[in-house]
Amino acid sequence: MSELTVDFQNVYNGPGVPEESQFQTWAQAAWLEQNPSEVTIRIVGIDESQALNSQYRGKDKPTNVLSFPFEAPAGITMPVAGDLVICAPVVEDEAREQLKEPSTHWAHMVVHGMLHLQGYDHIDDEDAEAMEALEIRLLAQFGFGNPYAAEETVKDS
């Protein structure tokens, strides 16, 4: 694991957002690349999340985390992983609905987004299983349980 610089932007005016140092710790743990890099983590409200999700994914609703990997122009190398945009109200609502501690769910969103910035995805079942296993392992470093097991428990009840 190499050094990761985290640029933190909190433009959400509401409660529940963890301390900046937590975001730095979670992002650093999920940075698996060998080269140093930089990521911007931006905490937003419903309107900004919905606008970005609509513009870039064609889904006219807010979402928990959006990942924007940095794509440098040909011939230019820059140590930038990309941007994560995390919607505070969605994360807080999901944590409540899934009966999770908010900090656990915040950590999951950061780890999940960081893995997307490094090329992981969950489009097909095999890739999803690999990504989820890595998320579970990374979150366990912080004493957090399997975020998918908790979700399945809530769905079944």
N, C-alpha and C. Protein backbone atom coordinates (compact mmCIF):
# COMPACT_ATOMS: atom_id res chain seq x y z
N MET A 1 0.84 -1.18 0.00
CA MET A 1 0.00 0.00 0.00
C MET A 1 0.89 1.24 0.00
N SER A 2 0.60 2.18 -0.88
CA SER A 2 1.37 3.40 -0.99
C SER A 2 0.60 4.58 -0.43
N GLU A 3 1.28 5.68 -0.34
CA GLU A 3 0.68 6.90 0.21
C GLU A 3 -0.44 7.42 -0.68
N LEU A 4 -1.53 7.80 -0.04
CA LEU A 4 -2.67 8.38 -0.73
C LEU A 4 -2.98 9.71 -0.07
N THR A 5 -3.05 10.76 -0.87
CA THR A 5 -3.46 12.07 -0.37
C THR A 5 -4.96 12.20 -0.57
N VAL A 6 -5.65 12.58 0.48
CA VAL A 6 -7.11 12.75 0.41
C VAL A 6 -7.44 14.23 0.52
N ASP A 7 -8.09 14.74 -0.52
CA ASP A 7 -8.62 16.10 -0.49
C ASP A 7 -10.08 15.97 -0.08
N PHE A 8 -10.43 16.54 1.04
CA PHE A 8 -11.77 16.37 1.61
C PHE A 8 -12.58 17.63 1.43
N GLN A 9 -13.79 17.47 0.87
CA GLN A 9 -14.71 18.59 0.68
C GLN A 9 -16.05 18.20 1.28
N ASN A 10 -16.49 18.93 2.28
CA ASN A 10 -17.82 18.67 2.85
C ASN A 10 -18.68 19.89 2.58
N VAL A 11 -19.57 19.76 1.59
CA VAL A 11 -20.47 20.86 1.26
C VAL A 11 -21.89 20.57 1.74
N TYR A 12 -22.04 19.52 2.52
CA TYR A 12 -23.34 19.15 3.09
C TYR A 12 -23.51 19.86 4.43
N ASN A 13 -24.62 20.56 4.59
CA ASN A 13 -24.90 21.27 5.83
C ASN A 13 -25.87 20.47 6.68
N GLY A 14 -25.36 19.44 7.31
CA GLY A 14 -26.21 18.62 8.15
C GLY A 14 -25.37 17.74 9.06
N PRO A 15 -26.04 17.06 9.99
CA PRO A 15 -25.32 16.22 10.95
C PRO A 15 -24.96 14.85 10.38
N GLY A 16 -24.14 14.15 11.13
CA GLY A 16 -23.88 12.74 10.84
C GLY A 16 -22.64 12.43 10.05
N VAL A 17 -21.98 13.43 9.49
CA VAL A 17 -20.79 13.18 8.68
C VAL A 17 -19.60 12.94 9.61
N PRO A 18 -18.90 11.81 9.42
CA PRO A 18 -17.72 11.53 10.26
C PRO A 18 -16.63 12.58 10.07
N GLU A 19 -15.66 12.55 10.97
CA GLU A 19 -14.52 13.47 10.90
C GLU A 19 -13.69 13.20 9.64
N GLU A 20 -13.07 14.24 9.14
CA GLU A 20 -12.21 14.13 7.96
C GLU A 20 -11.15 13.05 8.13
N SER A 21 -10.58 12.93 9.32
CA SER A 21 -9.53 11.94 9.56
C SER A 21 -10.03 10.51 9.32
N GLN A 22 -11.30 10.27 9.59
CA GLN A 22 -11.87 8.94 9.33
C GLN A 22 -11.86 8.63 7.83
N PHE A 23 -12.27 9.60 7.03
CA PHE A 23 -12.28 9.41 5.58
C PHE A 23 -10.87 9.12 5.07
N GLN A 24 -9.89 9.84 5.62
CA GLN A 24 -8.51 9.63 5.21
C GLN A 24 -8.06 8.21 5.56
N THR A 25 -8.39 7.76 6.75
CA THR A 25 -8.01 6.41 7.19
C THR A 25 -8.65 5.34 6.31
N TRP A 26 -9.94 5.46 6.07
CA TRP A 26 -10.66 4.47 5.25
C TRP A 26 -10.14 4.45 3.82
N ALA A 27 -9.94 5.62 3.22
CA ALA A 27 -9.46 5.69 1.84
C ALA A 27 -8.05 5.12 1.73
N GLN A 28 -7.20 5.48 2.68
CA GLN A 28 -5.81 4.98 2.68
C GLN A 28 -5.79 3.46 2.73
N ALA A 29 -6.62 2.87 3.57
CA ALA A 29 -6.66 1.41 3.72
C ALA A 29 -7.12 0.73 2.43
N ALA A 30 -7.97 1.41 1.67
CA ALA A 30 -8.51 0.82 0.45
C ALA A 30 -7.66 1.12 -0.78
N TRP A 31 -6.58 1.91 -0.62
CA TRP A 31 -5.69 2.21 -1.75
C TRP A 31 -4.70 1.07 -1.88
N LEU A 32 -4.89 0.21 -2.86
CA LEU A 32 -4.10 -1.00 -3.02
C LEU A 32 -2.99 -0.87 -4.05
N GLU A 33 -2.97 0.24 -4.76
CA GLU A 33 -1.97 0.46 -5.80
C GLU A 33 -0.59 0.68 -5.19
N GLN A 34 0.44 0.46 -5.98
CA GLN A 34 1.82 0.63 -5.51
C GLN A 34 2.30 2.07 -5.60
N ASN A 35 1.66 2.87 -6.42
CA ASN A 35 2.11 4.24 -6.62
C ASN A 35 1.32 5.22 -5.76
N PRO A 36 1.97 6.27 -5.28
CA PRO A 36 1.25 7.31 -4.55
C PRO A 36 0.19 7.94 -5.45
N SER A 37 -0.87 8.44 -4.85
CA SER A 37 -1.92 9.05 -5.64
C SER A 37 -2.71 10.04 -4.79
N GLU A 38 -3.72 10.60 -5.42
CA GLU A 38 -4.56 11.59 -4.76
C GLU A 38 -6.02 11.30 -5.10
N VAL A 39 -6.90 11.49 -4.13
CA VAL A 39 -8.33 11.34 -4.34
C VAL A 39 -9.04 12.51 -3.68
N THR A 40 -10.12 12.94 -4.30
CA THR A 40 -10.99 13.94 -3.68
C THR A 40 -12.24 13.21 -3.21
N ILE A 41 -12.58 13.42 -1.95
CA ILE A 41 -13.83 12.89 -1.40
C ILE A 41 -14.71 14.09 -1.09
N ARG A 42 -15.86 14.13 -1.76
CA ARG A 42 -16.79 15.26 -1.62
C ARG A 42 -18.09 14.75 -1.00
N ILE A 43 -18.48 15.34 0.11
CA ILE A 43 -19.71 14.98 0.80
C ILE A 43 -20.78 15.99 0.38
N VAL A 44 -21.90 15.47 -0.16
CA VAL A 44 -22.93 16.33 -0.74
C VAL A 44 -24.31 15.98 -0.19
N GLY A 45 -25.26 16.83 -0.55
CA GLY A 45 -26.66 16.60 -0.22
C GLY A 45 -27.39 15.95 -1.38
N ILE A 46 -28.69 15.84 -1.22
CA ILE A 46 -29.56 15.17 -2.20
C ILE A 46 -29.47 15.80 -3.59
N ASP A 47 -29.57 17.13 -3.68
CA ASP A 47 -29.65 17.79 -4.99
C ASP A 47 -28.41 17.53 -5.85
N GLU A 48 -27.23 17.69 -5.27
CA GLU A 48 -26.00 17.50 -6.04
C GLU A 48 -25.84 16.03 -6.44
N SER A 49 -26.14 15.13 -5.53
CA SER A 49 -26.03 13.70 -5.84
C SER A 49 -26.99 13.33 -6.98
N GLN A 50 -28.22 13.80 -6.88
CA GLN A 50 -29.20 13.48 -7.92
C GLN A 50 -28.79 14.07 -9.27
N ALA A 51 -28.29 15.28 -9.28
CA ALA A 51 -27.88 15.91 -10.54
C ALA A 51 -26.73 15.13 -11.18
N LEU A 52 -25.73 14.75 -10.38
CA LEU A 52 -24.59 14.00 -10.92
C LEU A 52 -25.01 12.60 -11.37
N ASN A 53 -25.85 11.95 -10.59
CA ASN A 53 -26.30 10.60 -10.94
C ASN A 53 -27.11 10.63 -12.24
N SER A 54 -27.90 11.67 -12.40
CA SER A 54 -28.69 11.83 -13.62
C SER A 54 -27.79 12.11 -14.82
N GLN A 55 -26.84 13.01 -14.64
CA GLN A 55 -25.95 13.39 -15.74
C GLN A 55 -25.04 12.26 -16.18
N TYR A 56 -24.46 11.53 -15.23
CA TYR A 56 -23.43 10.56 -15.58
C TYR A 56 -23.91 9.11 -15.64
N ARG A 57 -25.04 8.82 -15.01
CA ARG A 57 -25.52 7.43 -15.03
C ARG A 57 -26.93 7.31 -15.58
N GLY A 58 -27.57 8.44 -15.90
CA GLY A 58 -28.92 8.41 -16.45
C GLY A 58 -29.97 7.98 -15.45
N LYS A 59 -29.68 8.12 -14.16
CA LYS A 59 -30.62 7.74 -13.10
C LYS A 59 -30.99 9.00 -12.33
N ASP A 60 -32.26 9.39 -12.44
CA ASP A 60 -32.71 10.66 -11.87
C ASP A 60 -33.11 10.50 -10.41
N LYS A 61 -32.13 10.12 -9.59
CA LYS A 61 -32.34 9.99 -8.15
C LYS A 61 -30.98 10.08 -7.47
N PRO A 62 -30.96 10.47 -6.20
CA PRO A 62 -29.68 10.50 -5.50
C PRO A 62 -29.19 9.08 -5.25
N THR A 63 -27.89 8.95 -5.04
CA THR A 63 -27.31 7.64 -4.76
C THR A 63 -26.26 7.78 -3.66
N ASN A 64 -25.86 6.66 -3.08
CA ASN A 64 -24.95 6.72 -1.94
C ASN A 64 -23.54 7.20 -2.31
N VAL A 65 -22.93 6.60 -3.33
CA VAL A 65 -21.57 7.00 -3.70
C VAL A 65 -21.41 6.93 -5.22
N LEU A 66 -20.77 7.93 -5.75
CA LEU A 66 -20.41 7.96 -7.17
C LEU A 66 -18.88 8.02 -7.25
N SER A 67 -18.33 7.23 -8.16
CA SER A 67 -16.88 7.19 -8.36
C SER A 67 -16.55 7.71 -9.74
N PHE A 68 -15.60 8.63 -9.78
CA PHE A 68 -15.17 9.21 -11.04
C PHE A 68 -13.67 9.01 -11.18
N PRO A 69 -13.25 7.89 -11.81
CA PRO A 69 -11.82 7.67 -12.00
C PRO A 69 -11.22 8.75 -12.89
N PHE A 70 -10.02 9.19 -12.56
CA PHE A 70 -9.33 10.20 -13.35
C PHE A 70 -8.74 9.56 -14.59
N GLU A 71 -9.00 10.16 -15.74
CA GLU A 71 -8.45 9.67 -17.00
C GLU A 71 -7.59 10.79 -17.60
N ALA A 72 -6.29 10.64 -17.47
CA ALA A 72 -5.36 11.65 -17.98
C ALA A 72 -5.33 11.61 -19.51
N PRO A 73 -5.12 12.75 -20.13
CA PRO A 73 -4.95 12.77 -21.57
C PRO A 73 -3.73 11.94 -21.98
N ALA A 74 -3.75 11.45 -23.19
CA ALA A 74 -2.65 10.63 -23.69
C ALA A 74 -1.32 11.36 -23.52
N GLY A 75 -0.34 10.62 -23.03
CA GLY A 75 1.00 11.16 -22.86
C GLY A 75 1.23 11.94 -21.58
N ILE A 76 0.20 12.08 -20.79
CA ILE A 76 0.34 12.82 -19.53
C ILE A 76 0.08 11.86 -18.37
N THR A 77 0.98 11.84 -17.43
CA THR A 77 0.78 11.02 -16.24
C THR A 77 0.67 11.94 -15.04
N MET A 78 -0.36 11.71 -14.27
CA MET A 78 -0.59 12.46 -13.05
C MET A 78 -1.01 11.48 -11.97
N PRO A 79 -0.51 11.65 -10.77
CA PRO A 79 -0.86 10.72 -9.69
C PRO A 79 -2.21 11.05 -9.06
N VAL A 80 -3.27 10.92 -9.85
CA VAL A 80 -4.62 11.23 -9.37
C VAL A 80 -5.51 10.01 -9.61
N ALA A 81 -6.10 9.50 -8.54
CA ALA A 81 -7.00 8.35 -8.66
C ALA A 81 -8.36 8.77 -9.20
N GLY A 82 -8.86 9.90 -8.69
CA GLY A 82 -10.16 10.38 -9.13
C GLY A 82 -10.93 11.00 -7.98
N ASP A 83 -12.25 11.01 -8.13
CA ASP A 83 -13.12 11.65 -7.15
C ASP A 83 -14.19 10.68 -6.67
N LEU A 84 -14.55 10.81 -5.39
CA LEU A 84 -15.71 10.13 -4.83
C LEU A 84 -16.69 11.21 -4.39
N VAL A 85 -17.95 11.02 -4.74
CA VAL A 85 -18.99 11.93 -4.29
C VAL A 85 -19.95 11.08 -3.47
N ILE A 86 -20.06 11.41 -2.18
CA ILE A 86 -20.88 10.62 -1.27
C ILE A 86 -22.03 11.48 -0.76
N CYS A 87 -23.24 10.97 -0.88
CA CYS A 87 -24.44 11.70 -0.48
C CYS A 87 -24.78 11.36 0.98
N ALA A 88 -24.57 12.33 1.86
CA ALA A 88 -24.76 12.13 3.29
C ALA A 88 -26.17 11.65 3.65
N PRO A 89 -27.24 12.29 3.17
CA PRO A 89 -28.58 11.82 3.56
C PRO A 89 -28.87 10.39 3.11
N VAL A 90 -28.39 10.00 1.93
CA VAL A 90 -28.62 8.63 1.45
C VAL A 90 -27.86 7.63 2.32
N VAL A 91 -26.61 7.94 2.65
CA VAL A 91 -25.82 7.03 3.49
C VAL A 91 -26.47 6.89 4.86
N GLU A 92 -26.90 7.98 5.44
CA GLU A 92 -27.54 7.94 6.76
C GLU A 92 -28.85 7.16 6.71
N ASP A 93 -29.67 7.38 5.67
CA ASP A 93 -30.93 6.64 5.52
C ASP A 93 -30.68 5.15 5.34
N GLU A 94 -29.71 4.80 4.50
CA GLU A 94 -29.40 3.39 4.27
C GLU A 94 -28.92 2.71 5.55
N ALA A 95 -28.08 3.38 6.30
CA ALA A 95 -27.59 2.81 7.56
C ALA A 95 -28.76 2.51 8.49
N ARG A 96 -29.67 3.44 8.60
CA ARG A 96 -30.85 3.26 9.45
C ARG A 96 -31.72 2.10 8.94
N GLU A 97 -32.00 2.10 7.64
CA GLU A 97 -32.85 1.05 7.05
C GLU A 97 -32.22 -0.33 7.15
N GLN A 98 -30.89 -0.41 7.05
CA GLN A 98 -30.18 -1.69 7.08
C GLN A 98 -29.71 -2.07 8.48
N LEU A 99 -30.12 -1.26 9.48
CA LEU A 99 -29.78 -1.52 10.88
C LEU A 99 -28.28 -1.61 11.09
N LYS A 100 -27.56 -0.66 10.48
CA LYS A 100 -26.10 -0.60 10.59
C LYS A 100 -25.70 0.65 11.36
N GLU A 101 -24.55 0.57 12.03
CA GLU A 101 -23.97 1.77 12.62
C GLU A 101 -23.62 2.71 11.48
N PRO A 102 -23.96 4.00 11.59
CA PRO A 102 -23.64 4.92 10.50
C PRO A 102 -22.16 4.92 10.12
N SER A 103 -21.24 4.90 11.09
CA SER A 103 -19.82 4.94 10.75
C SER A 103 -19.40 3.71 9.95
N THR A 104 -20.01 2.57 10.23
CA THR A 104 -19.72 1.35 9.47
C THR A 104 -20.14 1.52 8.02
N HIS A 105 -21.31 2.11 7.80
CA HIS A 105 -21.80 2.29 6.43
C HIS A 105 -20.99 3.36 5.70
N TRP A 106 -20.61 4.43 6.41
CA TRP A 106 -19.75 5.45 5.80
C TRP A 106 -18.44 4.81 5.33
N ALA A 107 -17.83 3.99 6.20
CA ALA A 107 -16.57 3.32 5.84
C ALA A 107 -16.77 2.44 4.62
N HIS A 108 -17.89 1.72 4.58
CA HIS A 108 -18.17 0.85 3.44
C HIS A 108 -18.26 1.65 2.14
N MET A 109 -18.92 2.81 2.19
CA MET A 109 -19.06 3.63 0.98
C MET A 109 -17.70 4.12 0.49
N VAL A 110 -16.81 4.49 1.41
CA VAL A 110 -15.48 4.95 1.02
C VAL A 110 -14.69 3.79 0.41
N VAL A 111 -14.68 2.66 1.08
CA VAL A 111 -13.94 1.49 0.57
C VAL A 111 -14.50 1.07 -0.80
N HIS A 112 -15.81 1.00 -0.91
CA HIS A 112 -16.46 0.61 -2.16
C HIS A 112 -16.06 1.56 -3.29
N GLY A 113 -16.15 2.86 -3.02
CA GLY A 113 -15.80 3.85 -4.03
C GLY A 113 -14.32 3.81 -4.41
N MET A 114 -13.47 3.63 -3.42
CA MET A 114 -12.02 3.55 -3.69
C MET A 114 -11.70 2.35 -4.58
N LEU A 115 -12.36 1.24 -4.37
CA LEU A 115 -12.11 0.07 -5.21
C LEU A 115 -12.57 0.34 -6.65
N HIS A 116 -13.70 1.04 -6.80
CA HIS A 116 -14.12 1.42 -8.16
C HIS A 116 -13.06 2.28 -8.84
N LEU A 117 -12.46 3.20 -8.10
CA LEU A 117 -11.42 4.06 -8.69
C LEU A 117 -10.21 3.26 -9.16
N GLN A 118 -10.04 2.07 -8.61
CA GLN A 118 -8.90 1.22 -8.97
C GLN A 118 -9.28 0.14 -9.98
N GLY A 119 -10.49 0.26 -10.54
CA GLY A 119 -10.88 -0.64 -11.62
C GLY A 119 -11.75 -1.81 -11.23
N TYR A 120 -12.07 -1.95 -9.97
CA TYR A 120 -12.97 -3.04 -9.55
C TYR A 120 -14.40 -2.66 -9.89
N ASP A 121 -15.20 -3.68 -10.21
CA ASP A 121 -16.62 -3.41 -10.44
C ASP A 121 -17.44 -4.62 -10.01
N HIS A 122 -18.75 -4.48 -10.15
CA HIS A 122 -19.67 -5.55 -9.75
C HIS A 122 -20.74 -5.75 -10.81
N ILE A 123 -20.30 -5.63 -12.07
CA ILE A 123 -21.23 -5.77 -13.18
C ILE A 123 -21.67 -7.22 -13.34
N ASP A 124 -20.73 -8.15 -13.31
CA ASP A 124 -21.12 -9.56 -13.39
C ASP A 124 -20.86 -10.24 -12.05
N ASP A 125 -21.43 -11.42 -11.85
CA ASP A 125 -21.39 -12.10 -10.57
C ASP A 125 -19.97 -12.40 -10.09
N GLU A 126 -19.10 -12.82 -11.00
CA GLU A 126 -17.73 -13.17 -10.62
C GLU A 126 -16.98 -11.94 -10.12
N ASP A 127 -17.10 -10.83 -10.84
CA ASP A 127 -16.45 -9.59 -10.42
C ASP A 127 -17.05 -9.08 -9.11
N ALA A 128 -18.37 -9.20 -8.98
CA ALA A 128 -19.04 -8.75 -7.76
C ALA A 128 -18.55 -9.54 -6.55
N GLU A 129 -18.41 -10.85 -6.70
CA GLU A 129 -17.93 -11.68 -5.59
C GLU A 129 -16.51 -11.28 -5.18
N ALA A 130 -15.65 -11.03 -6.16
CA ALA A 130 -14.26 -10.64 -5.87
C ALA A 130 -14.23 -9.28 -5.17
N MET A 131 -15.01 -8.33 -5.66
CA MET A 131 -15.02 -7.00 -5.07
C MET A 131 -15.59 -7.04 -3.66
N GLU A 132 -16.69 -7.77 -3.47
CA GLU A 132 -17.29 -7.87 -2.15
C GLU A 132 -16.35 -8.53 -1.16
N ALA A 133 -15.64 -9.57 -1.58
CA ALA A 133 -14.69 -10.26 -0.68
C ALA A 133 -13.58 -9.29 -0.25
N LEU A 134 -13.12 -8.47 -1.17
CA LEU A 134 -12.08 -7.50 -0.85
C LEU A 134 -12.63 -6.43 0.11
N GLU A 135 -13.84 -5.97 -0.13
CA GLU A 135 -14.47 -4.99 0.77
C GLU A 135 -14.59 -5.56 2.18
N ILE A 136 -15.04 -6.80 2.28
CA ILE A 136 -15.21 -7.46 3.58
C ILE A 136 -13.87 -7.52 4.31
N ARG A 137 -12.82 -7.90 3.60
CA ARG A 137 -11.49 -8.00 4.20
C ARG A 137 -10.97 -6.64 4.65
N LEU A 138 -11.14 -5.62 3.82
CA LEU A 138 -10.67 -4.28 4.17
C LEU A 138 -11.45 -3.71 5.37
N LEU A 139 -12.75 -3.90 5.38
CA LEU A 139 -13.56 -3.38 6.48
C LEU A 139 -13.28 -4.11 7.79
N ALA A 140 -12.91 -5.37 7.70
CA ALA A 140 -12.58 -6.16 8.90
C ALA A 140 -11.38 -5.56 9.63
N GLN A 141 -10.49 -4.88 8.91
CA GLN A 141 -9.33 -4.22 9.53
C GLN A 141 -9.76 -3.19 10.58
N PHE A 142 -10.97 -2.68 10.43
CA PHE A 142 -11.49 -1.68 11.35
C PHE A 142 -12.47 -2.29 12.36
N GLY A 143 -12.59 -3.61 12.32
CA GLY A 143 -13.51 -4.28 13.23
C GLY A 143 -14.95 -4.27 12.75
N PHE A 144 -15.16 -3.92 11.48
CA PHE A 144 -16.51 -3.90 10.92
C PHE A 144 -16.85 -5.25 10.31
N GLY A 145 -18.07 -5.71 10.50
CA GLY A 145 -18.51 -6.99 9.96
C GLY A 145 -18.82 -6.91 8.48
N ASN A 146 -19.22 -8.03 7.94
CA ASN A 146 -19.59 -8.16 6.52
C ASN A 146 -20.79 -7.27 6.22
N PRO A 147 -20.63 -6.24 5.42
CA PRO A 147 -21.75 -5.34 5.15
C PRO A 147 -22.84 -6.00 4.31
N TYR A 148 -22.50 -7.02 3.59
CA TYR A 148 -23.49 -7.69 2.74
C TYR A 148 -24.31 -8.68 3.54
N ALA A 149 -23.75 -9.30 4.55
CA ALA A 149 -24.48 -10.23 5.41
C ALA A 149 -25.58 -9.47 6.16
N ALA A 150 -25.25 -8.29 6.66
CA ALA A 150 -26.24 -7.49 7.38
C ALA A 150 -27.38 -7.09 6.45
N GLU A 151 -27.02 -6.74 5.21
CA GLU A 151 -28.03 -6.34 4.24
C GLU A 151 -28.98 -7.49 3.93
N GLU A 152 -28.44 -8.69 3.78
CA GLU A 152 -29.27 -9.85 3.48
C GLU A 152 -30.18 -10.17 4.66
N THR A 153 -29.68 -10.00 5.88
CA THR A 153 -30.49 -10.25 7.06
C THR A 153 -31.68 -9.31 7.09
N VAL A 154 -31.46 -8.04 6.79
CA VAL A 154 -32.54 -7.07 6.79
C VAL A 154 -33.55 -7.39 5.70
N LYS A 155 -33.07 -7.77 4.53
CA LYS A 155 -33.97 -8.09 3.41
C LYS A 155 -34.85 -9.29 3.74
N ASP A 156 -34.30 -10.27 4.44
CA ASP A 156 -35.04 -11.49 4.73
C ASP A 156 -36.11 -11.29 5.82
N SER A 157 -35.96 -10.26 6.63
CA SER A 157 -36.90 -10.10 7.75
C SER A 157 -38.17 -9.39 7.34
